Amino acid sequence: MELLVGLFQDSSLVEVELLIATFILCSLVGIERQIRQKSAGYRTHVLVGLGSCAFTLVSAYGFSTVLADEVNLDPSRIAAQIVSGIGFLGAGVIFKGHNVVRGLTTAATVWVAAAVGMACGAGMLSLGVALTALHLLTLFVMAPLVRRLPDPDRKRMLRVTYMDGAGVLRDVLAAATSMGFTSSIQNSQRITDDGEKKHVVMDIRFQGRPPLRDLIPTVMELDGVKRVSLKQSKEYDDEEGDRI
């Protein structure tokens, strides 16, 4: 009998309703990440949301049996810890390599899923629905529109000077691909210096999400690369570097 009393309480229907609302809203957030094949997908976002909702519900209703006139509890104490604790989970999906940081958007969606769960757990369903709607609007509508804004990198190319016959071009294209660029060779020229060493001067157009300037240090570090310059139209030397 005591077990049934603990199983069904006055707030049980409200708690189930809020958990279901969290499940639906965080599912919408997680499906978007799953479609884009991100490291934190549907399961992560739903579980983060449900966990945040459960923590908030426990903070709000979980200590009613110990309340008395001389006992005061702050229902926001557990919710406050969610805000600080969720940062560790978000940091786990951020990766840095080849001078590019990836996973920031996914970490932000994990943060949003926690906020949705907390809002639902606090009974603020309108806030949870509005937050989910704005999240989806940002990623599905606004982000594609922002990508259509004029990008100065579309009119820029890299002029790369490297040793001929050493497989350097293959390394350059592989490094660019790993950073998210697509590449197309515009023109090339073979030259011979005073020491009769053959070099190739090649103009390559790179397109992708990272700024083109971020690619220059990576290319400069490759063996056989002698010079890299950023070319815009017919003007040279916007940014350049030489290997010593």
C-alpha atoms as a PDB file:
ATOM      1  CA  MET A   1       0.000   0.000   0.000  1.00  0.00           C
ATOM      2  CA  GLU A   2       2.858   2.353   0.859  1.00  0.00           C
ATOM      3  CA  LEU A   3       4.400   1.568  -2.537  1.00  0.00           C
ATOM      4  CA  LEU A   4       1.219   2.695  -4.308  1.00  0.00           C
ATOM      5  CA  VAL A   5       1.186   5.892  -2.288  1.00  0.00           C
ATOM      6  CA  GLY A   6       4.712   6.629  -3.430  1.00  0.00           C
ATOM      7  CA  LEU A   7       3.868   5.676  -7.025  1.00  0.00           C
ATOM      8  CA  PHE A   8       0.813   7.899  -7.385  1.00  0.00           C
ATOM      9  CA  GLN A   9       0.911  11.372  -5.910  1.00  0.00           C
ATOM     10  CA  ASP A  10      -1.040  14.539  -6.460  1.00  0.00           C
ATOM     11  CA  SER A  11       1.525  15.774  -8.953  1.00  0.00           C
ATOM     12  CA  SER A  12       1.907  12.501 -10.872  1.00  0.00           C
ATOM     13  CA  LEU A  13      -0.328  13.474 -13.804  1.00  0.00           C
ATOM     14  CA  VAL A  14       1.399  16.836 -14.154  1.00  0.00           C
ATOM     15  CA  GLU A  15       4.825  15.186 -14.072  1.00  0.00           C
ATOM     16  CA  VAL A  16       3.890  12.667 -16.784  1.00  0.00           C
ATOM     17  CA  GLU A  17       2.378  15.418 -18.917  1.00  0.00           C
ATOM     18  CA  LEU A  18       5.516  17.524 -18.686  1.00  0.00           C
ATOM     19  CA  LEU A  19       7.782  14.564 -19.441  1.00  0.00           C
ATOM     20  CA  ILE A  20       5.755  13.735 -22.547  1.00  0.00           C
ATOM     21  CA  ALA A  21       5.915  17.356 -23.676  1.00  0.00           C
ATOM     22  CA  THR A  22       9.681  17.302 -23.178  1.00  0.00           C
ATOM     23  CA  PHE A  23       9.961  14.080 -25.161  1.00  0.00           C
ATOM     24  CA  ILE A  24       8.046  15.544 -28.120  1.00  0.00           C
ATOM     25  CA  LEU A  25       9.879  18.868 -28.206  1.00  0.00           C
ATOM     26  CA  CYS A  26      13.366  17.411 -27.740  1.00  0.00           C
ATOM     27  CA  SER A  27      12.577  14.792 -30.382  1.00  0.00           C
ATOM     28  CA  LEU A  28      12.112  17.628 -32.878  1.00  0.00           C
ATOM     29  CA  VAL A  29      15.474  19.076 -31.884  1.00  0.00           C
ATOM     30  CA  GLY A  30      17.195  15.675 -32.019  1.00  0.00           C
ATOM     31  CA  ILE A  31      15.730  14.676 -35.380  1.00  0.00           C
ATOM     32  CA  GLU A  32      17.296  17.748 -36.987  1.00  0.00           C
ATOM     33  CA  ARG A  33      20.728  16.753 -35.639  1.00  0.00           C
ATOM     34  CA  GLN A  34      20.173  13.115 -36.659  1.00  0.00           C
ATOM     35  CA  ILE A  35      19.326  14.113 -40.221  1.00  0.00           C
ATOM     36  CA  ARG A  36      22.583  16.052 -40.431  1.00  0.00           C
ATOM     37  CA  GLN A  37      24.457  13.028 -39.022  1.00  0.00           C
ATOM     38  CA  LYS A  38      26.016  14.915 -36.134  1.00  0.00           C
ATOM     39  CA  SER A  39      27.880  13.300 -33.256  1.00  0.00           C
ATOM     40  CA  ALA A  40      25.070  14.088 -30.811  1.00  0.00           C
ATOM     41  CA  GLY A  41      21.883  12.903 -32.479  1.00  0.00           C
ATOM     42  CA  TYR A  42      18.319  12.030 -31.586  1.00  0.00           C
ATOM     43  CA  ARG A  43      19.008   9.894 -28.521  1.00  0.00           C
ATOM     44  CA  THR A  44      21.404  12.369 -26.921  1.00  0.00           C
ATOM     45  CA  HIS A  45      19.050  15.322 -27.215  1.00  0.00           C
ATOM     46  CA  VAL A  46      15.987  13.435 -26.021  1.00  0.00           C
ATOM     47  CA  LEU A  47      17.833  11.986 -23.033  1.00  0.00           C
ATOM     48  CA  VAL A  48      19.340  15.360 -22.116  1.00  0.00           C
ATOM     49  CA  GLY A  49      15.906  16.960 -22.283  1.00  0.00           C
ATOM     50  CA  LEU A  50      14.209  14.239 -20.269  1.00  0.00           C
ATOM     51  CA  GLY A  51      16.957  14.277 -17.676  1.00  0.00           C
ATOM     52  CA  SER A  52      16.753  18.054 -17.312  1.00  0.00           C
ATOM     53  CA  CYS A  53      12.976  17.853 -17.010  1.00  0.00           C
ATOM     54  CA  ALA A  54      13.213  15.113 -14.366  1.00  0.00           C
ATOM     55  CA  PHE A  55      15.765  17.062 -12.334  1.00  0.00           C
ATOM     56  CA  THR A  56      13.548  20.133 -12.434  1.00  0.00           C
ATOM     57  CA  LEU A  57      10.482  18.119 -11.390  1.00  0.00           C
ATOM     58  CA  VAL A  58      12.388  16.571  -8.512  1.00  0.00           C
ATOM     59  CA  SER A  59      13.521  20.024  -7.454  1.00  0.00           C
ATOM     60  CA  ALA A  60       9.938  21.302  -7.561  1.00  0.00           C
ATOM     61  CA  TYR A  61       7.955  18.345  -6.153  1.00  0.00           C
ATOM     62  CA  GLY A  62      10.426  15.837  -4.773  1.00  0.00           C
ATOM     63  CA  PHE A  63      10.726  17.094  -1.218  1.00  0.00           C
ATOM     64  CA  SER A  64       7.125  17.820  -0.324  1.00  0.00           C
ATOM     65  CA  THR A  65       7.162  15.135   2.396  1.00  0.00           C
ATOM     66  CA  VAL A  66       9.792  16.974   4.433  1.00  0.00           C
ATOM     67  CA  LEU A  67       8.244  20.417   4.168  1.00  0.00           C
ATOM     68  CA  ALA A  68       6.945  22.012   7.320  1.00  0.00           C
ATOM     69  CA  ASP A  69       6.448  25.452   8.730  1.00  0.00           C
ATOM     70  CA  GLU A  70      10.042  25.587   9.899  1.00  0.00           C
ATOM     71  CA  VAL A  71      11.490  24.028   6.698  1.00  0.00           C
ATOM     72  CA  ASN A  72      12.095  26.180   3.629  1.00  0.00           C
ATOM     73  CA  LEU A  73      13.431  24.768   0.362  1.00  0.00           C
ATOM     74  CA  ASP A  74      14.563  26.568  -2.782  1.00  0.00           C
ATOM     75  CA  PRO A  75      13.034  24.757  -5.803  1.00  0.00           C
ATOM     76  CA  SER A  76      15.597  26.319  -8.135  1.00  0.00           C
ATOM     77  CA  ARG A  77      18.658  24.771  -6.489  1.00  0.00           C
ATOM     78  CA  ILE A  78      18.787  21.621  -8.664  1.00  0.00           C
ATOM     79  CA  ALA A  79      17.820  23.478 -11.841  1.00  0.00           C
ATOM     80  CA  ALA A  80      20.750  25.826 -11.279  1.00  0.00           C
ATOM     81  CA  GLN A  81      23.139  22.874 -11.216  1.00  0.00           C
ATOM     82  CA  ILE A  82      21.806  21.656 -14.565  1.00  0.00           C
ATOM     83  CA  VAL A  83      22.912  24.900 -16.208  1.00  0.00           C
ATOM     84  CA  SER A  84      26.492  24.475 -14.990  1.00  0.00           C
ATOM     85  CA  GLY A  85      26.647  20.714 -15.419  1.00  0.00           C
ATOM     86  CA  ILE A  86      25.355  20.535 -18.983  1.00  0.00           C
ATOM     87  CA  GLY A  87      28.431  22.451 -20.133  1.00  0.00           C
ATOM     88  CA  PHE A  88      30.600  19.375 -19.594  1.00  0.00           C
ATOM     89  CA  LEU A  89      28.398  17.309 -21.888  1.00  0.00           C
ATOM     90  CA  GLY A  90      28.377  20.022 -24.535  1.00  0.00           C
ATOM     91  CA  ALA A  91      32.167  20.287 -24.418  1.00  0.00           C
ATOM     92  CA  GLY A  92      32.408  16.586 -25.232  1.00  0.00           C
ATOM     93  CA  VAL A  93      31.008  17.095 -28.745  1.00  0.00           C
ATOM     94  CA  ILE A  94      33.381  19.938 -29.675  1.00  0.00           C
ATOM     95  CA  PHE A  95      36.449  18.879 -31.652  1.00  0.00           C
ATOM     96  CA  LYS A  96      39.431  20.902 -32.835  1.00  0.00           C
ATOM     97  CA  GLY A  97      41.753  19.799 -35.578  1.00  0.00           C
ATOM     98  CA  HIS A  98      43.559  21.270 -38.571  1.00  0.00           C
ATOM     99  CA  ASN A  99      42.874  24.776 -37.240  1.00  0.00           C
ATOM    100  CA  VAL A 100      39.110  24.192 -37.439  1.00  0.00           C
ATOM    101  CA  VAL A 101      36.676  23.875 -34.559  1.00  0.00           C
ATOM    102  CA  ARG A 102      33.714  21.581 -35.142  1.00  0.00           C
ATOM    103  CA  GLY A 103      30.711  20.698 -33.037  1.00  0.00           C
ATOM    104  CA  LEU A 104      29.811  24.134 -31.699  1.00  0.00           C
ATOM    105  CA  THR A 105      26.296  24.003 -33.160  1.00  0.00           C
ATOM    106  CA  THR A 106      25.756  20.503 -31.800  1.00  0.00           C
ATOM    107  CA  ALA A 107      26.926  21.594 -28.367  1.00  0.00           C
ATOM    108  CA  ALA A 108      24.524  24.531 -28.561  1.00  0.00           C
ATOM    109  CA  THR A 109      21.613  22.235 -29.431  1.00  0.00           C
ATOM    110  CA  VAL A 110      22.444  20.069 -26.401  1.00  0.00           C
ATOM    111  CA  TRP A 111      22.288  23.258 -24.337  1.00  0.00           C
ATOM    112  CA  VAL A 112      18.906  24.114 -25.918  1.00  0.00           C
ATOM    113  CA  ALA A 113      17.580  20.595 -25.248  1.00  0.00           C
ATOM    114  CA  ALA A 114      18.458  21.018 -21.572  1.00  0.00           C
ATOM    115  CA  ALA A 115      16.683  24.378 -21.525  1.00  0.00           C
ATOM    116  CA  VAL A 116      13.587  22.860 -23.148  1.00  0.00           C
ATOM    117  CA  GLY A 117      13.548  20.092 -20.550  1.00  0.00           C
ATOM    118  CA  MET A 118      13.915  22.566 -17.705  1.00  0.00           C
ATOM    119  CA  ALA A 119      11.137  24.782 -19.087  1.00  0.00           C
ATOM    120  CA  CYS A 120       8.780  21.835 -19.401  1.00  0.00           C
ATOM    121  CA  GLY A 121       9.748  20.530 -15.975  1.00  0.00           C
ATOM    122  CA  ALA A 122       8.909  23.917 -14.487  1.00  0.00           C
ATOM    123  CA  GLY A 123       5.477  23.819 -16.137  1.00  0.00           C
ATOM    124  CA  MET A 124       6.344  26.532 -18.660  1.00  0.00           C
ATOM    125  CA  LEU A 125       5.108  24.662 -21.737  1.00  0.00           C
ATOM    126  CA  SER A 126       4.643  27.834 -23.785  1.00  0.00           C
ATOM    127  CA  LEU A 127       8.302  28.675 -23.244  1.00  0.00           C
ATOM    128  CA  GLY A 128       9.398  25.174 -24.224  1.00  0.00           C
ATOM    129  CA  VAL A 129       7.293  25.225 -27.402  1.00  0.00           C
ATOM    130  CA  ALA A 130       8.498  28.692 -28.373  1.00  0.00           C
ATOM    131  CA  LEU A 131      12.131  27.758 -27.715  1.00  0.00           C
ATOM    132  CA  THR A 132      11.850  24.637 -29.886  1.00  0.00           C
ATOM    133  CA  ALA A 133      10.139  26.574 -32.670  1.00  0.00           C
ATOM    134  CA  LEU A 134      12.816  29.261 -32.681  1.00  0.00           C
ATOM    135  CA  HIS A 135      15.538  26.601 -32.626  1.00  0.00           C
ATOM    136  CA  LEU A 136      14.124  24.891 -35.711  1.00  0.00           C
ATOM    137  CA  LEU A 137      13.540  28.253 -37.402  1.00  0.00           C
ATOM    138  CA  THR A 138      17.186  29.174 -36.833  1.00  0.00           C
ATOM    139  CA  LEU A 139      18.634  25.945 -38.241  1.00  0.00           C
ATOM    140  CA  PHE A 140      16.186  25.190 -41.079  1.00  0.00           C
ATOM    141  CA  VAL A 141      15.289  28.688 -42.299  1.00  0.00           C
ATOM    142  CA  MET A 142      17.684  31.375 -41.106  1.00  0.00           C
ATOM    143  CA  ALA A 143      20.964  29.422 -41.416  1.00  0.00           C
ATOM    144  CA  PRO A 144      20.455  28.601 -45.147  1.00  0.00           C
ATOM    145  CA  LEU A 145      19.551  32.249 -45.796  1.00  0.00           C
ATOM    146  CA  VAL A 146      22.675  33.471 -43.999  1.00  0.00           C
ATOM    147  CA  ARG A 147      24.814  31.154 -46.137  1.00  0.00           C
ATOM    148  CA  ARG A 148      23.500  32.958 -49.230  1.00  0.00           C
ATOM    149  CA  LEU A 149      24.935  36.281 -48.103  1.00  0.00           C
ATOM    150  CA  PRO A 150      27.882  37.546 -50.189  1.00  0.00           C
ATOM    151  CA  ASP A 151      31.059  35.746 -49.185  1.00  0.00           C
ATOM    152  CA  PRO A 152      34.402  37.411 -50.001  1.00  0.00           C
ATOM    153  CA  ASP A 153      36.050  33.971 -50.269  1.00  0.00           C
ATOM    154  CA  ARG A 154      34.057  33.245 -53.409  1.00  0.00           C
ATOM    155  CA  LYS A 155      36.260  35.680 -55.310  1.00  0.00           C
ATOM    156  CA  ARG A 156      39.510  34.525 -53.755  1.00  0.00           C
ATOM    157  CA  MET A 157      42.006  31.813 -54.601  1.00  0.00           C
ATOM    158  CA  LEU A 158      45.200  30.518 -53.083  1.00  0.00           C
ATOM    159  CA  ARG A 159      48.384  30.702 -55.099  1.00  0.00           C
ATOM    160  CA  VAL A 160      50.544  27.829 -53.910  1.00  0.00           C
ATOM    161  CA  THR A 161      54.192  27.400 -54.875  1.00  0.00           C
ATOM    162  CA  TYR A 162      55.534  23.920 -54.205  1.00  0.00           C
ATOM    163  CA  MET A 163      58.235  21.444 -55.264  1.00  0.00           C
ATOM    164  CA  ASP A 164      57.430  19.553 -58.426  1.00  0.00           C
ATOM    165  CA  GLY A 165      57.278  15.759 -58.406  1.00  0.00           C
ATOM    166  CA  ALA A 166      57.021  15.340 -54.614  1.00  0.00           C
ATOM    167  CA  GLY A 167      53.288  14.651 -54.359  1.00  0.00           C
ATOM    168  CA  VAL A 168      52.673  17.989 -52.668  1.00  0.00           C
ATOM    169  CA  LEU A 169      49.496  18.793 -54.590  1.00  0.00           C
ATOM    170  CA  ARG A 170      47.889  15.617 -53.312  1.00  0.00           C
ATOM    171  CA  ASP A 171      48.694  16.620 -49.730  1.00  0.00           C
ATOM    172  CA  VAL A 172      47.336  20.142 -50.268  1.00  0.00           C
ATOM    173  CA  LEU A 173      44.017  18.885 -51.628  1.00  0.00           C
ATOM    174  CA  ALA A 174      43.724  16.265 -48.876  1.00  0.00           C
ATOM    175  CA  ALA A 175      44.320  18.880 -46.171  1.00  0.00           C
ATOM    176  CA  ALA A 176      41.699  21.167 -47.704  1.00  0.00           C
ATOM    177  CA  THR A 177      39.176  18.348 -47.933  1.00  0.00           C
ATOM    178  CA  SER A 178      39.694  17.430 -44.279  1.00  0.00           C
ATOM    179  CA  MET A 179      38.833  21.024 -43.348  1.00  0.00           C
ATOM    180  CA  GLY A 180      35.598  20.945 -45.347  1.00  0.00           C
ATOM    181  CA  PHE A 181      36.719  22.643 -48.555  1.00  0.00           C
ATOM    182  CA  THR A 182      36.048  21.602 -52.123  1.00  0.00           C
ATOM    183  CA  SER A 183      38.782  22.566 -54.570  1.00  0.00           C
ATOM    184  CA  SER A 184      39.217  23.295 -58.261  1.00  0.00           C
ATOM    185  CA  ILE A 185      42.483  24.080 -60.048  1.00  0.00           C
ATOM    186  CA  GLN A 186      42.339  27.299 -62.073  1.00  0.00           C
ATOM    187  CA  ASN A 187      45.800  27.399 -63.676  1.00  0.00           C
ATOM    188  CA  SER A 188      49.367  26.264 -63.080  1.00  0.00           C
ATOM    189  CA  GLN A 189      52.889  27.072 -64.225  1.00  0.00           C
ATOM    190  CA  ARG A 190      56.190  25.254 -63.844  1.00  0.00           C
ATOM    191  CA  ILE A 191      59.246  27.334 -63.043  1.00  0.00           C
ATOM    192  CA  THR A 192      62.954  26.611 -62.464  1.00  0.00           C
ATOM    193  CA  ASP A 193      65.001  28.603 -59.970  1.00  0.00           C
ATOM    194  CA  ASP A 194      68.714  29.376 -60.129  1.00  0.00           C
ATOM    195  CA  GLY A 195      69.551  26.046 -58.525  1.00  0.00           C
ATOM    196  CA  GLU A 196      67.661  24.266 -61.306  1.00  0.00           C
ATOM    197  CA  LYS A 197      65.023  23.078 -58.866  1.00  0.00           C
ATOM    198  CA  LYS A 198      61.619  22.769 -60.468  1.00  0.00           C
ATOM    199  CA  HIS A 199      58.618  24.294 -58.752  1.00  0.00           C
ATOM    200  CA  VAL A 200      54.961  24.626 -59.607  1.00  0.00           C
ATOM    201  CA  VAL A 201      52.935  27.800 -59.119  1.00  0.00           C
ATOM    202  CA  MET A 202      49.267  26.893 -59.003  1.00  0.00           C
ATOM    203  CA  ASP A 203      46.100  28.899 -58.436  1.00  0.00           C
ATOM    204  CA  ILE A 204      43.479  26.850 -56.622  1.00  0.00           C
ATOM    205  CA  ARG A 205      39.947  27.918 -55.775  1.00  0.00           C
ATOM    206  CA  PHE A 206      38.640  26.523 -52.492  1.00  0.00           C
ATOM    207  CA  GLN A 207      35.015  26.665 -51.459  1.00  0.00           C
ATOM    208  CA  GLY A 208      33.632  25.647 -48.111  1.00  0.00           C
ATOM    209  CA  ARG A 209      32.350  26.809 -44.766  1.00  0.00           C
ATOM    210  CA  PRO A 210      35.650  27.680 -42.961  1.00  0.00           C
ATOM    211  CA  PRO A 211      37.249  31.038 -43.846  1.00  0.00           C
ATOM    212  CA  LEU A 212      39.833  30.633 -46.571  1.00  0.00           C
ATOM    213  CA  ARG A 213      42.454  32.337 -44.400  1.00  0.00           C
ATOM    214  CA  ASP A 214      42.277  29.396 -41.985  1.00  0.00           C
ATOM    215  CA  LEU A 215      43.606  27.124 -44.718  1.00  0.00           C
ATOM    216  CA  ILE A 216      46.838  29.072 -45.235  1.00  0.00           C
ATOM    217  CA  PRO A 217      48.678  27.923 -42.050  1.00  0.00           C
ATOM    218  CA  THR A 218      47.726  24.309 -42.724  1.00  0.00           C
ATOM    219  CA  VAL A 219      49.049  24.420 -46.283  1.00  0.00           C
ATOM    220  CA  MET A 220      52.216  26.222 -45.183  1.00  0.00           C
ATOM    221  CA  GLU A 221      53.043  23.383 -42.795  1.00  0.00           C
ATOM    222  CA  LEU A 222      53.071  20.771 -45.571  1.00  0.00           C
ATOM    223  CA  ASP A 223      56.436  19.461 -46.729  1.00  0.00           C
ATOM    224  CA  GLY A 224      57.403  20.835 -50.103  1.00  0.00           C
ATOM    225  CA  VAL A 225      55.274  23.976 -49.946  1.00  0.00           C
ATOM    226  CA  LYS A 226      57.437  27.066 -50.489  1.00  0.00           C
ATOM    227  CA  ARG A 227      54.954  29.899 -50.650  1.00  0.00           C
ATOM    228  CA  VAL A 228      51.236  30.529 -50.177  1.00  0.00           C
ATOM    229  CA  SER A 229      49.441  33.750 -51.061  1.00  0.00           C
ATOM    230  CA  LEU A 230      45.797  34.782 -51.051  1.00  0.00           C
ATOM    231  CA  LYS A 231      44.731  36.014 -54.455  1.00  0.00           C
ATOM    232  CA  GLN A 232      41.704  38.193 -55.144  1.00  0.00           C
ATOM    233  CA  SER A 233      40.874  38.974 -58.746  1.00  0.00           C
ATOM    234  CA  LYS A 234      44.109  40.295 -60.245  1.00  0.00           C
ATOM    235  CA  GLU A 235      45.535  41.636 -57.031  1.00  0.00           C
ATOM    236  CA  TYR A 236      48.018  39.570 -55.026  1.00  0.00           C
ATOM    237  CA  ASP A 237      49.474  39.551 -51.573  1.00  0.00           C
ATOM    238  CA  ASP A 238      46.332  40.102 -49.484  1.00  0.00           C
ATOM    239  CA  GLU A 239      47.968  37.657 -47.149  1.00  0.00           C
ATOM    240  CA  GLU A 240      51.008  35.576 -47.783  1.00  0.00           C
ATOM    241  CA  GLY A 241      53.744  33.568 -46.129  1.00  0.00           C
ATOM    242  CA  ASP A 242      57.095  32.075 -46.945  1.00  0.00           C
ATOM    243  CA  ARG A 243      58.778  28.986 -45.623  1.00  0.00           C
ATOM    244  CA  ILE A 244      62.351  29.363 -44.427  1.00  0.00           C
END
